[in-house]
Amino acid sequence: MRYHNITKDDMLNGDGLRVVLWLAGCDHCCKDCHNPLTWDPEGGLLFDRAAKEELFAALDKSYISGLTLSGGDPLHPANRLGARRLAQEVKETFPQKTVWLYTGYLWEEIWQLPIMQYVDVCVDGEFQRDKKDNKLLWKGSKNQRVIAVSATLSGENPRIPLLHCTDYGESDEEAVSPLGGHRIWDSRALADRGRSACEG
């Protein structure tokens, strides 16, 4: 597994202050991707012991909410085994911290992958330039979904994602859940109300 960067105290890629691991390798090659240098799975640096120690030292700080796996795509074939092992070790070492994962794959394609048992929130789907909206919460385009993984996997139909939050957050009157202070939304129910499955 290879990576390009480890960023710390990040506020843009998940709830709270986070450590972000930017992995190398992506086959989606989205138009206007903000990080095309990460597409090549042979690019960047080897995620070796020193990189892992740097990552875990950053995660050990009490004010850090957790790890975000991004890239590139953490679920690129070159990354799947390494990302799964890393997510597992992070959850075992820091059980109080969350793991977020950004991927261009759709939830319906990946929900059965072993890594998902160690992921709290998954942002799925390719970035689509025509659906870009800078006001969206935790994602770049409206087709993408911010999925509450544990709640979805333990639900009636794990193929239907329950959303961690709506597109633009919630009003004070709306109920909250233990996952990051946001309601768990059933994307099928949203679609039934005349909205797309990923809209808030």
Foldseek 3Di string as FASTA:
>chain_A
DFFADWDWQDPQADPFTAIETAAAAADPPAVPDPAVQRHHNPDHGDCDPVVLVVRVVRVPDPRHQYYEYHHNACPHVVRQVVLLVSLVVRCVVCVRHAYEGEHQADCLVPLPRNSLVSHQWYWYHDDHPVQADPQFGNDGGQVIATFGRVCLVPDPHNSFTWGQAAGRGDDPPDAADPRSGHDGHGLVVVVVVVDHSHHD
